[in-house]
Amino acid sequence: MMSPELADVQEARDRIADSVHQTPVMRSQHLDAHTGAELFFKCEHLQKAGAFKARGATNAVLSLEESEDVAGVATHSSGNHGAALAMAATIRGLPAYIVMPANASAVKKSAVAAYGGEIIECESTLAAREAMLASVLERTGAVVVHPYNDPRVIAGQGTAALELMEQAPDLDVIVVPVGGGGLLAGTALAVKGLNPRIEVVAVEPEGADDAFRSFGLGSLQAQTNPNTIADGLRASLGELNFEIIRKHVDTIITVPDAAIVDAMKLHWTRMKQVVEPSGAVGLAGVLEHPERFRGRRVGVVVSGGNVDIDHLPW
């Protein structure tokens, strides 16, 4: 599998320009004062399908050769990538088969269905997801679009950082949540390819810290029994993603779920923005590690806003 480069991110931006939103960058005087930093929030919770995942999924689908896309596309997902892939598939009139854990958020299942995806449920383990996906592929002949360990997906996710650097010039650091690593890898390619001076900091929940451990030890570590309210960040770090992250990311920090809840509340109450737990992890990192960001211009990628309002974490 070929690793993507900056040029792939730039090509992805042109490819998906008419199919996704250029999301806004928001500021908050209160949060600047609270953190002692200048914060620039890249609002991917306002993206189509409610998350940055629309970028990578759309780039992957629009990159398919006509000869290989006839049978449709398939993936496994806790929700956001599945909805994004189903949405992207409709652009080319393709079926989308989405393997989801049975305990996935009801709102995310609803979104996948609303975009026309066929949901196939399985147990919540990664092994169960992969086994069910293999069964679906055998039945349908669809093309796999992996949620994060795919060069086309990584390149698409990196387009958010290209926009952010134009919308908020002279950033000192960009903060990105990490789960499977697609957004982080794409961001790192874009940032270090254009301005190596900008620091790339990833934030991960303490209860799902395989990226943190992998980065520290220099070898890919297993994700075992992830336990965090940030359901979009429970995935295991991808091999392709890890190689890019090792090369281009400056550091990975962790935050407890309590900090994620606090950050989510601030997004809702101070910025009046509906942000999901995974999307609030970037701000949680700034709140939990203030000395790293104080006095700096900080881009914060708010990755998604697909919240089950009947089961809020407070």
C-alpha atoms as a PDB file:
ATOM      1  CA  MET A   1       0.000   0.000   0.000  1.00  0.00           C
ATOM      2  CA  MET A   2       1.575   3.257  -1.156  1.00  0.00           C
ATOM      3  CA  SER A   3       1.918   5.953   1.481  1.00  0.00           C
ATOM      4  CA  PRO A   4       0.315   9.262   0.464  1.00  0.00           C
ATOM      5  CA  GLU A   5       2.286  12.488   0.141  1.00  0.00           C
ATOM      6  CA  LEU A   6       1.479  16.199   0.287  1.00  0.00           C
ATOM      7  CA  ALA A   7       0.687  16.172  -3.436  1.00  0.00           C
ATOM      8  CA  ASP A   8      -2.026  13.558  -2.821  1.00  0.00           C
ATOM      9  CA  VAL A   9      -3.635  15.800  -0.199  1.00  0.00           C
ATOM     10  CA  GLN A  10      -3.578  18.731  -2.600  1.00  0.00           C
ATOM     11  CA  GLU A  11      -5.070  16.626  -5.394  1.00  0.00           C
ATOM     12  CA  ALA A  12      -7.743  15.378  -3.015  1.00  0.00           C
ATOM     13  CA  ARG A  13      -8.726  18.950  -2.219  1.00  0.00           C
ATOM     14  CA  ASP A  14      -9.388  19.649  -5.894  1.00  0.00           C
ATOM     15  CA  ARG A  15     -11.196  16.327  -6.361  1.00  0.00           C
ATOM     16  CA  ILE A  16     -13.670  16.786  -3.494  1.00  0.00           C
ATOM     17  CA  ALA A  17     -14.122  20.567  -3.679  1.00  0.00           C
ATOM     18  CA  ASP A  18     -17.607  20.410  -5.183  1.00  0.00           C
ATOM     19  CA  SER A  19     -18.772  17.583  -2.911  1.00  0.00           C
ATOM     20  CA  VAL A  20     -17.890  18.708   0.635  1.00  0.00           C
ATOM     21  CA  HIS A  21     -18.028  21.942   2.631  1.00  0.00           C
ATOM     22  CA  GLN A  22     -15.137  24.265   3.318  1.00  0.00           C
ATOM     23  CA  THR A  23     -15.934  24.454   6.999  1.00  0.00           C
ATOM     24  CA  PRO A  24     -15.562  27.691   8.982  1.00  0.00           C
ATOM     25  CA  VAL A  25     -12.975  28.558  11.614  1.00  0.00           C
ATOM     26  CA  MET A  26     -14.488  29.921  14.843  1.00  0.00           C
ATOM     27  CA  ARG A  27     -13.025  31.891  17.738  1.00  0.00           C
ATOM     28  CA  SER A  28     -14.071  32.354  21.381  1.00  0.00           C
ATOM     29  CA  GLN A  29     -12.830  35.249  23.520  1.00  0.00           C
ATOM     30  CA  HIS A  30     -13.905  33.336  26.626  1.00  0.00           C
ATOM     31  CA  LEU A  31     -11.909  30.231  25.712  1.00  0.00           C
ATOM     32  CA  ASP A  32      -8.881  32.301  24.723  1.00  0.00           C
ATOM     33  CA  ALA A  33      -8.956  33.959  28.145  1.00  0.00           C
ATOM     34  CA  HIS A  34      -9.630  30.650  29.882  1.00  0.00           C
ATOM     35  CA  THR A  35      -6.674  28.868  28.252  1.00  0.00           C
ATOM     36  CA  GLY A  36      -4.245  31.752  27.721  1.00  0.00           C
ATOM     37  CA  ALA A  37      -3.927  30.753  24.059  1.00  0.00           C
ATOM     38  CA  GLU A  38      -5.342  32.056  20.793  1.00  0.00           C
ATOM     39  CA  LEU A  39      -7.627  29.232  19.666  1.00  0.00           C
ATOM     40  CA  PHE A  40      -8.839  28.717  16.111  1.00  0.00           C
ATOM     41  CA  PHE A  41     -11.471  25.990  15.906  1.00  0.00           C
ATOM     42  CA  LYS A  42     -11.715  24.183  12.548  1.00  0.00           C
ATOM     43  CA  CYS A  43     -15.382  23.219  12.588  1.00  0.00           C
ATOM     44  CA  GLU A  44     -15.570  19.799  10.975  1.00  0.00           C
ATOM     45  CA  HIS A  45     -18.680  19.096  13.052  1.00  0.00           C
ATOM     46  CA  LEU A  46     -20.360  21.360  10.463  1.00  0.00           C
ATOM     47  CA  GLN A  47     -19.100  19.193   7.597  1.00  0.00           C
ATOM     48  CA  LYS A  48     -21.470  17.117   5.473  1.00  0.00           C
ATOM     49  CA  ALA A  49     -22.520  13.983   7.355  1.00  0.00           C
ATOM     50  CA  GLY A  50     -21.488  15.801  10.532  1.00  0.00           C
ATOM     51  CA  ALA A  51     -17.777  14.958  10.582  1.00  0.00           C
ATOM     52  CA  PHE A  52     -14.426  15.250   8.800  1.00  0.00           C
ATOM     53  CA  LYS A  53     -14.961  11.688   7.560  1.00  0.00           C
ATOM     54  CA  ALA A  54     -16.838  13.088   4.552  1.00  0.00           C
ATOM     55  CA  ARG A  55     -13.511  14.275   3.143  1.00  0.00           C
ATOM     56  CA  GLY A  56     -11.699  10.939   3.105  1.00  0.00           C
ATOM     57  CA  ALA A  57     -14.703   8.869   2.064  1.00  0.00           C
ATOM     58  CA  THR A  58     -15.525  11.207  -0.807  1.00  0.00           C
ATOM     59  CA  ASN A  59     -11.935  11.264  -2.029  1.00  0.00           C
ATOM     60  CA  ALA A  60     -11.790   7.470  -1.934  1.00  0.00           C
ATOM     61  CA  VAL A  61     -15.058   7.008  -3.835  1.00  0.00           C
ATOM     62  CA  LEU A  62     -14.243   9.647  -6.438  1.00  0.00           C
ATOM     63  CA  SER A  63     -10.796   8.054  -6.898  1.00  0.00           C
ATOM     64  CA  LEU A  64     -12.244   4.680  -7.902  1.00  0.00           C
ATOM     65  CA  GLU A  65     -11.700   3.590 -11.471  1.00  0.00           C
ATOM     66  CA  GLU A  66     -14.913   3.013 -13.395  1.00  0.00           C
ATOM     67  CA  SER A  67     -13.958  -0.640 -13.814  1.00  0.00           C
ATOM     68  CA  GLU A  68     -13.717  -1.335 -10.064  1.00  0.00           C
ATOM     69  CA  ASP A  69     -16.674   0.493  -8.611  1.00  0.00           C
ATOM     70  CA  VAL A  70     -19.559  -1.423 -10.162  1.00  0.00           C
ATOM     71  CA  ALA A  71     -20.343  -3.617  -7.164  1.00  0.00           C
ATOM     72  CA  GLY A  72     -20.387  -0.806  -4.613  1.00  0.00           C
ATOM     73  CA  VAL A  73     -18.291   0.053  -1.569  1.00  0.00           C
ATOM     74  CA  ALA A  74     -18.082  -1.452   1.902  1.00  0.00           C
ATOM     75  CA  THR A  75     -16.493  -0.705   5.251  1.00  0.00           C
ATOM     76  CA  HIS A  76     -16.752  -1.220   8.995  1.00  0.00           C
ATOM     77  CA  SER A  77     -17.443   1.810  11.148  1.00  0.00           C
ATOM     78  CA  SER A  78     -18.722   2.971  14.523  1.00  0.00           C
ATOM     79  CA  GLY A  79     -20.766   5.515  12.584  1.00  0.00           C
ATOM     80  CA  ASN A  80     -19.170   8.634  11.148  1.00  0.00           C
ATOM     81  CA  HIS A  81     -17.137   6.952   8.402  1.00  0.00           C
ATOM     82  CA  GLY A  82     -20.091   4.734   7.541  1.00  0.00           C
ATOM     83  CA  ALA A  83     -22.401   7.702   7.085  1.00  0.00           C
ATOM     84  CA  ALA A  84     -19.752   9.550   5.081  1.00  0.00           C
ATOM     85  CA  LEU A  85     -19.134   6.566   2.805  1.00  0.00           C
ATOM     86  CA  ALA A  86     -22.861   6.052   2.250  1.00  0.00           C
ATOM     87  CA  MET A  87     -23.183   9.734   1.356  1.00  0.00           C
ATOM     88  CA  ALA A  88     -20.189   9.602  -0.991  1.00  0.00           C
ATOM     89  CA  ALA A  89     -21.490   6.457  -2.671  1.00  0.00           C
ATOM     90  CA  THR A  90     -24.695   8.250  -3.673  1.00  0.00           C
ATOM     91  CA  ILE A  91     -22.594  10.719  -5.687  1.00  0.00           C
ATOM     92  CA  ARG A  92     -21.698   7.850  -8.033  1.00  0.00           C
ATOM     93  CA  GLY A  93     -24.938   5.935  -7.634  1.00  0.00           C
ATOM     94  CA  LEU A  94     -23.305   3.047  -5.793  1.00  0.00           C
ATOM     95  CA  PRO A  95     -24.584   0.825  -2.992  1.00  0.00           C
ATOM     96  CA  ALA A  96     -22.747   1.117   0.325  1.00  0.00           C
ATOM     97  CA  TYR A  97     -22.511  -1.768   2.808  1.00  0.00           C
ATOM     98  CA  ILE A  98     -21.674  -0.630   6.330  1.00  0.00           C
ATOM     99  CA  VAL A  99     -20.694  -3.117   9.052  1.00  0.00           C
ATOM    100  CA  MET A 100     -21.479  -1.558  12.442  1.00  0.00           C
ATOM    101  CA  PRO A 101     -21.193  -2.847  16.016  1.00  0.00           C
ATOM    102  CA  ALA A 102     -24.600  -3.603  17.495  1.00  0.00           C
ATOM    103  CA  ASN A 103     -23.905  -1.150  20.330  1.00  0.00           C
ATOM    104  CA  ALA A 104     -23.123   1.751  17.987  1.00  0.00           C
ATOM    105  CA  SER A 105     -24.884   5.036  18.701  1.00  0.00           C
ATOM    106  CA  ALA A 106     -28.490   5.062  17.533  1.00  0.00           C
ATOM    107  CA  VAL A 107     -28.040   8.497  16.016  1.00  0.00           C
ATOM    108  CA  LYS A 108     -25.078   7.263  13.980  1.00  0.00           C
ATOM    109  CA  LYS A 109     -26.972   4.206  12.753  1.00  0.00           C
ATOM    110  CA  SER A 110     -29.810   6.505  11.757  1.00  0.00           C
ATOM    111  CA  ALA A 111     -27.409   8.707   9.811  1.00  0.00           C
ATOM    112  CA  VAL A 112     -25.967   5.754   7.886  1.00  0.00           C
ATOM    113  CA  ALA A 113     -29.455   4.616   6.956  1.00  0.00           C
ATOM    114  CA  ALA A 114     -30.540   8.131   5.999  1.00  0.00           C
ATOM    115  CA  TYR A 115     -27.664   8.359   3.500  1.00  0.00           C
ATOM    116  CA  GLY A 116     -28.734   5.071   1.926  1.00  0.00           C
ATOM    117  CA  GLY A 117     -26.202   2.721   3.517  1.00  0.00           C
ATOM    118  CA  GLU A 118     -27.121  -0.903   4.184  1.00  0.00           C
ATOM    119  CA  ILE A 119     -26.254  -1.621   7.839  1.00  0.00           C
ATOM    120  CA  ILE A 120     -24.944  -5.068   8.798  1.00  0.00           C
ATOM    121  CA  GLU A 121     -24.588  -5.433  12.568  1.00  0.00           C
ATOM    122  CA  CYS A 122     -21.909  -7.389  14.410  1.00  0.00           C
ATOM    123  CA  GLU A 123     -20.292  -7.698  17.829  1.00  0.00           C
ATOM    124  CA  SER A 124     -18.324  -4.697  19.056  1.00  0.00           C
ATOM    125  CA  THR A 125     -14.814  -6.185  18.736  1.00  0.00           C
ATOM    126  CA  LEU A 126     -12.465  -5.314  15.876  1.00  0.00           C
ATOM    127  CA  ALA A 127     -12.147  -9.020  15.045  1.00  0.00           C
ATOM    128  CA  ALA A 128     -15.922  -9.310  14.700  1.00  0.00           C
ATOM    129  CA  ARG A 129     -16.045  -6.212  12.487  1.00  0.00           C
ATOM    130  CA  GLU A 130     -13.355  -7.551  10.175  1.00  0.00           C
ATOM    131  CA  ALA A 131     -14.901 -11.012   9.968  1.00  0.00           C
ATOM    132  CA  MET A 132     -18.315  -9.602   9.105  1.00  0.00           C
ATOM    133  CA  LEU A 133     -16.800  -7.257   6.538  1.00  0.00           C
ATOM    134  CA  ALA A 134     -15.032 -10.197   4.872  1.00  0.00           C
ATOM    135  CA  SER A 135     -18.383 -11.965   4.670  1.00  0.00           C
ATOM    136  CA  VAL A 136     -20.015  -8.903   3.119  1.00  0.00           C
ATOM    137  CA  LEU A 137     -17.251  -8.581   0.535  1.00  0.00           C
ATOM    138  CA  GLU A 138     -17.637 -12.217  -0.436  1.00  0.00           C
ATOM    139  CA  ARG A 139     -21.397 -11.751  -0.838  1.00  0.00           C
ATOM    140  CA  THR A 140     -21.364  -8.434  -2.700  1.00  0.00           C
ATOM    141  CA  GLY A 141     -18.005  -8.074  -4.445  1.00  0.00           C
ATOM    142  CA  ALA A 142     -17.823  -4.500  -3.156  1.00  0.00           C
ATOM    143  CA  VAL A 143     -14.612  -2.471  -2.889  1.00  0.00           C
ATOM    144  CA  VAL A 144     -13.305  -1.879   0.652  1.00  0.00           C
ATOM    145  CA  VAL A 145     -12.853   1.716   1.783  1.00  0.00           C
ATOM    146  CA  HIS A 146     -11.130   1.341   5.145  1.00  0.00           C
ATOM    147  CA  PRO A 147     -12.061   3.991   7.735  1.00  0.00           C
ATOM    148  CA  TYR A 148      -8.459   5.177   8.140  1.00  0.00           C
ATOM    149  CA  ASN A 149      -5.798   2.735   6.893  1.00  0.00           C
ATOM    150  CA  ASP A 150      -6.225   3.794   3.249  1.00  0.00           C
ATOM    151  CA  PRO A 151      -4.041   6.310   1.365  1.00  0.00           C
ATOM    152  CA  ARG A 152      -7.060   7.839  -0.400  1.00  0.00           C
ATOM    153  CA  VAL A 153      -8.845   8.352   2.918  1.00  0.00           C
ATOM    154  CA  ILE A 154      -5.748   9.806   4.589  1.00  0.00           C
ATOM    155  CA  ALA A 155      -5.247  12.263   1.722  1.00  0.00           C
ATOM    156  CA  GLY A 156      -8.869  13.368   1.923  1.00  0.00           C
ATOM    157  CA  GLN A 157      -8.734  13.935   5.664  1.00  0.00           C
ATOM    158  CA  GLY A 158      -5.652  16.119   5.240  1.00  0.00           C
ATOM    159  CA  THR A 159      -7.640  18.666   3.231  1.00  0.00           C
ATOM    160  CA  ALA A 160      -9.105  20.090   6.454  1.00  0.00           C
ATOM    161  CA  ALA A 161      -5.611  21.157   7.539  1.00  0.00           C
ATOM    162  CA  LEU A 162      -4.924  22.765   4.149  1.00  0.00           C
ATOM    163  CA  GLU A 163      -8.002  24.929   4.672  1.00  0.00           C
ATOM    164  CA  LEU A 164      -7.174  25.679   8.307  1.00  0.00           C
ATOM    165  CA  MET A 165      -3.687  26.958   7.489  1.00  0.00           C
ATOM    166  CA  GLU A 166      -5.176  29.354   4.921  1.00  0.00           C
ATOM    167  CA  GLN A 167      -8.018  30.482   7.186  1.00  0.00           C
ATOM    168  CA  ALA A 168      -5.788  31.009  10.237  1.00  0.00           C
ATOM    169  CA  PRO A 169      -2.288  31.994   9.065  1.00  0.00           C
ATOM    170  CA  ASP A 170       0.794  31.842  11.257  1.00  0.00           C
ATOM    171  CA  LEU A 171      -0.351  29.051  13.552  1.00  0.00           C
ATOM    172  CA  ASP A 172       2.180  27.725  16.041  1.00  0.00           C
ATOM    173  CA  VAL A 173       0.514  24.368  16.608  1.00  0.00           C
ATOM    174  CA  ILE A 174      -2.385  22.273  15.292  1.00  0.00           C
ATOM    175  CA  VAL A 175      -4.189  19.937  17.691  1.00  0.00           C
ATOM    176  CA  VAL A 176      -5.897  16.840  16.293  1.00  0.00           C
ATOM    177  CA  PRO A 177      -7.805  13.946  17.900  1.00  0.00           C
ATOM    178  CA  VAL A 178      -6.469  10.471  17.125  1.00  0.00           C
ATOM    179  CA  GLY A 179      -8.224   7.120  16.972  1.00  0.00           C
ATOM    180  CA  GLY A 180      -7.422   5.084  13.880  1.00  0.00           C
ATOM    181  CA  GLY A 181      -5.121   7.868  12.729  1.00  0.00           C
ATOM    182  CA  GLY A 182      -6.535   8.909   9.361  1.00  0.00           C
ATOM    183  CA  LEU A 183      -7.180  12.518  10.324  1.00  0.00           C
ATOM    184  CA  LEU A 184      -3.886  12.808  12.202  1.00  0.00           C
ATOM    185  CA  ALA A 185      -1.830  11.289   9.384  1.00  0.00           C
ATOM    186  CA  GLY A 186      -3.471  13.478   6.744  1.00  0.00           C
ATOM    187  CA  THR A 187      -3.067  16.579   8.889  1.00  0.00           C
ATOM    188  CA  ALA A 188       0.598  15.822   9.526  1.00  0.00           C
ATOM    189  CA  LEU A 189       1.290  15.360   5.809  1.00  0.00           C
ATOM    190  CA  ALA A 190      -0.369  18.677   4.982  1.00  0.00           C
ATOM    191  CA  VAL A 191       1.208  20.662   7.811  1.00  0.00           C
ATOM    192  CA  LYS A 192       4.764  19.373   7.633  1.00  0.00           C
ATOM    193  CA  GLY A 193       4.689  19.446   3.838  1.00  0.00           C
ATOM    194  CA  LEU A 194       3.795  23.137   3.759  1.00  0.00           C
ATOM    195  CA  ASN A 195       5.159  24.561   7.015  1.00  0.00           C
ATOM    196  CA  PRO A 196       7.375  22.270   9.116  1.00  0.00           C
ATOM    197  CA  ARG A 197       7.595  24.997  11.775  1.00  0.00           C
ATOM    198  CA  ILE A 198       4.015  24.252  12.865  1.00  0.00           C
ATOM    199  CA  GLU A 199       3.868  21.688  15.653  1.00  0.00           C
ATOM    200  CA  VAL A 200       1.407  18.807  15.228  1.00  0.00           C
ATOM    201  CA  VAL A 201       0.010  17.562  18.541  1.00  0.00           C
ATOM    202  CA  ALA A 202      -2.380  14.608  18.745  1.00  0.00           C
ATOM    203  CA  VAL A 203      -4.797  14.067  21.630  1.00  0.00           C
ATOM    204  CA  GLU A 204      -6.137  10.650  22.627  1.00  0.00           C
ATOM    205  CA  PRO A 205      -8.452   9.443  25.412  1.00  0.00           C
ATOM    206  CA  GLU A 206      -6.636   7.778  28.294  1.00  0.00           C
ATOM    207  CA  GLY A 207      -8.963   4.797  28.008  1.00  0.00           C
ATOM    208  CA  ALA A 208      -8.016   4.148  24.370  1.00  0.00           C
ATOM    209  CA  ASP A 209      -4.361   5.096  24.303  1.00  0.00           C
ATOM    210  CA  ASP A 210      -2.798   2.738  21.755  1.00  0.00           C
ATOM    211  CA  ALA A 211      -1.527   5.633  19.598  1.00  0.00           C
ATOM    212  CA  PHE A 212       0.119   7.226  22.649  1.00  0.00           C
ATOM    213  CA  ARG A 213       1.783   3.933  23.577  1.00  0.00           C
ATOM    214  CA  SER A 214       2.778   3.161  19.990  1.00  0.00           C
ATOM    215  CA  PHE A 215       4.316   6.603  19.512  1.00  0.00           C
ATOM    216  CA  GLY A 216       6.256   6.377  22.762  1.00  0.00           C
ATOM    217  CA  LEU A 217       7.565   2.854  22.195  1.00  0.00           C
ATOM    218  CA  GLY A 218       8.218   3.241  18.470  1.00  0.00           C
ATOM    219  CA  SER A 219       6.237   0.154  17.493  1.00  0.00           C
ATOM    220  CA  LEU A 220       2.550  -0.464  16.858  1.00  0.00           C
ATOM    221  CA  GLN A 221       0.765  -1.481  20.077  1.00  0.00           C
ATOM    222  CA  ALA A 222      -2.543  -3.313  20.254  1.00  0.00           C
ATOM    223  CA  GLN A 223      -5.759  -1.565  21.227  1.00  0.00           C
ATOM    224  CA  THR A 224      -7.297  -3.804  23.895  1.00  0.00           C
ATOM    225  CA  ASN A 225     -10.722  -3.197  25.395  1.00  0.00           C
ATOM    226  CA  PRO A 226     -10.960   0.571  24.750  1.00  0.00           C
ATOM    227  CA  ASN A 227     -13.027   2.337  27.413  1.00  0.00           C
ATOM    228  CA  THR A 228     -13.936   5.958  26.611  1.00  0.00           C
ATOM    229  CA  ILE A 229     -17.002   8.060  25.882  1.00  0.00           C
ATOM    230  CA  ALA A 230     -15.246   9.201  22.691  1.00  0.00           C
ATOM    231  CA  ASP A 231     -16.700   6.373  20.602  1.00  0.00           C
ATOM    232  CA  GLY A 232     -15.116   7.642  17.388  1.00  0.00           C
ATOM    233  CA  LEU A 233     -11.633   7.176  18.893  1.00  0.00           C
ATOM    234  CA  ARG A 234     -11.862   3.554  20.015  1.00  0.00           C
ATOM    235  CA  ALA A 235     -10.356   2.160  16.806  1.00  0.00           C
ATOM    236  CA  SER A 236      -6.895   0.621  16.641  1.00  0.00           C
ATOM    237  CA  LEU A 237      -4.191   2.743  15.028  1.00  0.00           C
ATOM    238  CA  GLY A 238      -3.622   1.722  11.410  1.00  0.00           C
ATOM    239  CA  GLU A 239      -0.214   0.527  10.188  1.00  0.00           C
ATOM    240  CA  LEU A 240      -0.027   2.989   7.291  1.00  0.00           C
ATOM    241  CA  ASN A 241      -1.171   5.796   9.576  1.00  0.00           C
ATOM    242  CA  PHE A 242       1.420   4.921  12.212  1.00  0.00           C
ATOM    243  CA  GLU A 243       4.318   5.170   9.755  1.00  0.00           C
ATOM    244  CA  ILE A 244       3.215   8.678   8.749  1.00  0.00           C
ATOM    245  CA  ILE A 245       2.592   9.675  12.372  1.00  0.00           C
ATOM    246  CA  ARG A 246       6.048   8.451  13.483  1.00  0.00           C
ATOM    247  CA  LYS A 247       7.654  10.571  10.794  1.00  0.00           C
ATOM    248  CA  HIS A 248       5.645  13.787  10.979  1.00  0.00           C
ATOM    249  CA  VAL A 249       3.826  14.155  14.335  1.00  0.00           C
ATOM    250  CA  ASP A 250       5.593  16.006  17.147  1.00  0.00           C
ATOM    251  CA  THR A 251       3.862  14.447  20.143  1.00  0.00           C
ATOM    252  CA  ILE A 252       0.747  12.627  21.392  1.00  0.00           C
ATOM    253  CA  ILE A 253      -0.897  13.515  24.705  1.00  0.00           C
ATOM    254  CA  THR A 254      -3.784  11.871  26.545  1.00  0.00           C
ATOM    255  CA  VAL A 255      -6.838  13.170  28.389  1.00  0.00           C
ATOM    256  CA  PRO A 256      -9.303  11.565  30.822  1.00  0.00           C
ATOM    257  CA  ASP A 257     -12.976  11.292  29.933  1.00  0.00           C
ATOM    258  CA  ALA A 258     -13.793  13.939  32.552  1.00  0.00           C
ATOM    259  CA  ALA A 259     -11.761  16.480  30.576  1.00  0.00           C
ATOM    260  CA  ILE A 260     -13.542  15.466  27.374  1.00  0.00           C
ATOM    261  CA  VAL A 261     -16.903  16.095  29.028  1.00  0.00           C
ATOM    262  CA  ASP A 262     -15.726  19.497  30.289  1.00  0.00           C
ATOM    263  CA  ALA A 263     -14.530  20.438  26.805  1.00  0.00           C
ATOM    264  CA  MET A 264     -17.769  19.244  25.237  1.00  0.00           C
ATOM    265  CA  LYS A 265     -19.769  21.388  27.668  1.00  0.00           C
ATOM    266  CA  LEU A 266     -17.671  24.435  26.748  1.00  0.00           C
ATOM    267  CA  HIS A 267     -18.300  23.867  23.052  1.00  0.00           C
ATOM    268  CA  TRP A 268     -22.026  23.660  23.727  1.00  0.00           C
ATOM    269  CA  THR A 269     -22.413  26.469  26.245  1.00  0.00           C
ATOM    270  CA  ARG A 270     -19.757  29.003  25.256  1.00  0.00           C
ATOM    271  CA  MET A 271     -19.592  28.494  21.507  1.00  0.00           C
ATOM    272  CA  LYS A 272     -23.174  27.263  21.041  1.00  0.00           C
ATOM    273  CA  GLN A 273     -21.861  24.399  18.927  1.00  0.00           C
ATOM    274  CA  VAL A 274     -23.126  20.805  19.096  1.00  0.00           C
ATOM    275  CA  VAL A 275     -19.921  18.767  19.309  1.00  0.00           C
ATOM    276  CA  GLU A 276     -19.627  15.040  20.041  1.00  0.00           C
ATOM    277  CA  PRO A 277     -17.162  13.653  22.602  1.00  0.00           C
ATOM    278  CA  SER A 278     -14.594  12.700  19.958  1.00  0.00           C
ATOM    279  CA  GLY A 279     -14.826  16.203  18.504  1.00  0.00           C
ATOM    280  CA  ALA A 280     -14.163  17.799  21.896  1.00  0.00           C
ATOM    281  CA  VAL A 281     -10.924  15.887  22.508  1.00  0.00           C
ATOM    282  CA  GLY A 282      -8.751  18.600  20.918  1.00  0.00           C
ATOM    283  CA  LEU A 283     -10.028  21.278  23.284  1.00  0.00           C
ATOM    284  CA  ALA A 284      -9.731  18.786  26.162  1.00  0.00           C
ATOM    285  CA  GLY A 285      -6.034  18.479  25.344  1.00  0.00           C
ATOM    286  CA  VAL A 286      -5.579  22.252  25.555  1.00  0.00           C
ATOM    287  CA  LEU A 287      -7.459  22.375  28.856  1.00  0.00           C
ATOM    288  CA  GLU A 288      -5.589  19.434  30.366  1.00  0.00           C
ATOM    289  CA  HIS A 289      -2.099  20.508  29.227  1.00  0.00           C
ATOM    290  CA  PRO A 290      -2.290  24.326  29.331  1.00  0.00           C
ATOM    291  CA  GLU A 291       1.450  24.932  29.661  1.00  0.00           C
ATOM    292  CA  ARG A 292       2.049  23.426  26.207  1.00  0.00           C
ATOM    293  CA  PHE A 293      -0.296  25.893  24.487  1.00  0.00           C
ATOM    294  CA  ARG A 294      -0.282  29.080  26.571  1.00  0.00           C
ATOM    295  CA  GLY A 295       0.674  32.174  24.574  1.00  0.00           C
ATOM    296  CA  ARG A 296       0.528  30.345  21.221  1.00  0.00           C
ATOM    297  CA  ARG A 297      -1.718  30.431  18.147  1.00  0.00           C
ATOM    298  CA  VAL A 298      -3.435  27.052  18.244  1.00  0.00           C
ATOM    299  CA  GLY A 299      -5.541  25.442  15.534  1.00  0.00           C
ATOM    300  CA  VAL A 300      -7.968  22.922  17.043  1.00  0.00           C
ATOM    301  CA  VAL A 301      -9.657  20.434  14.728  1.00  0.00           C
ATOM    302  CA  VAL A 302     -13.211  19.797  15.951  1.00  0.00           C
ATOM    303  CA  SER A 303     -13.712  16.476  14.254  1.00  0.00           C
ATOM    304  CA  GLY A 304     -17.448  15.779  14.530  1.00  0.00           C
ATOM    305  CA  GLY A 305     -20.853  16.646  15.911  1.00  0.00           C
ATOM    306  CA  ASN A 306     -22.961  13.503  15.688  1.00  0.00           C
ATOM    307  CA  VAL A 307     -24.366  13.321  19.200  1.00  0.00           C
ATOM    308  CA  ASP A 308     -27.082  11.075  20.595  1.00  0.00           C
ATOM    309  CA  ILE A 309     -28.945  13.776  22.507  1.00  0.00           C
ATOM    310  CA  ASP A 310     -30.907  11.142  24.445  1.00  0.00           C
ATOM    311  CA  HIS A 311     -27.680   9.838  25.999  1.00  0.00           C
ATOM    312  CA  LEU A 312     -25.478  12.821  26.787  1.00  0.00           C
ATOM    313  CA  PRO A 313     -22.414  12.139  28.978  1.00  0.00           C
ATOM    314  CA  TRP A 314     -23.557  14.442  31.776  1.00  0.00           C
END
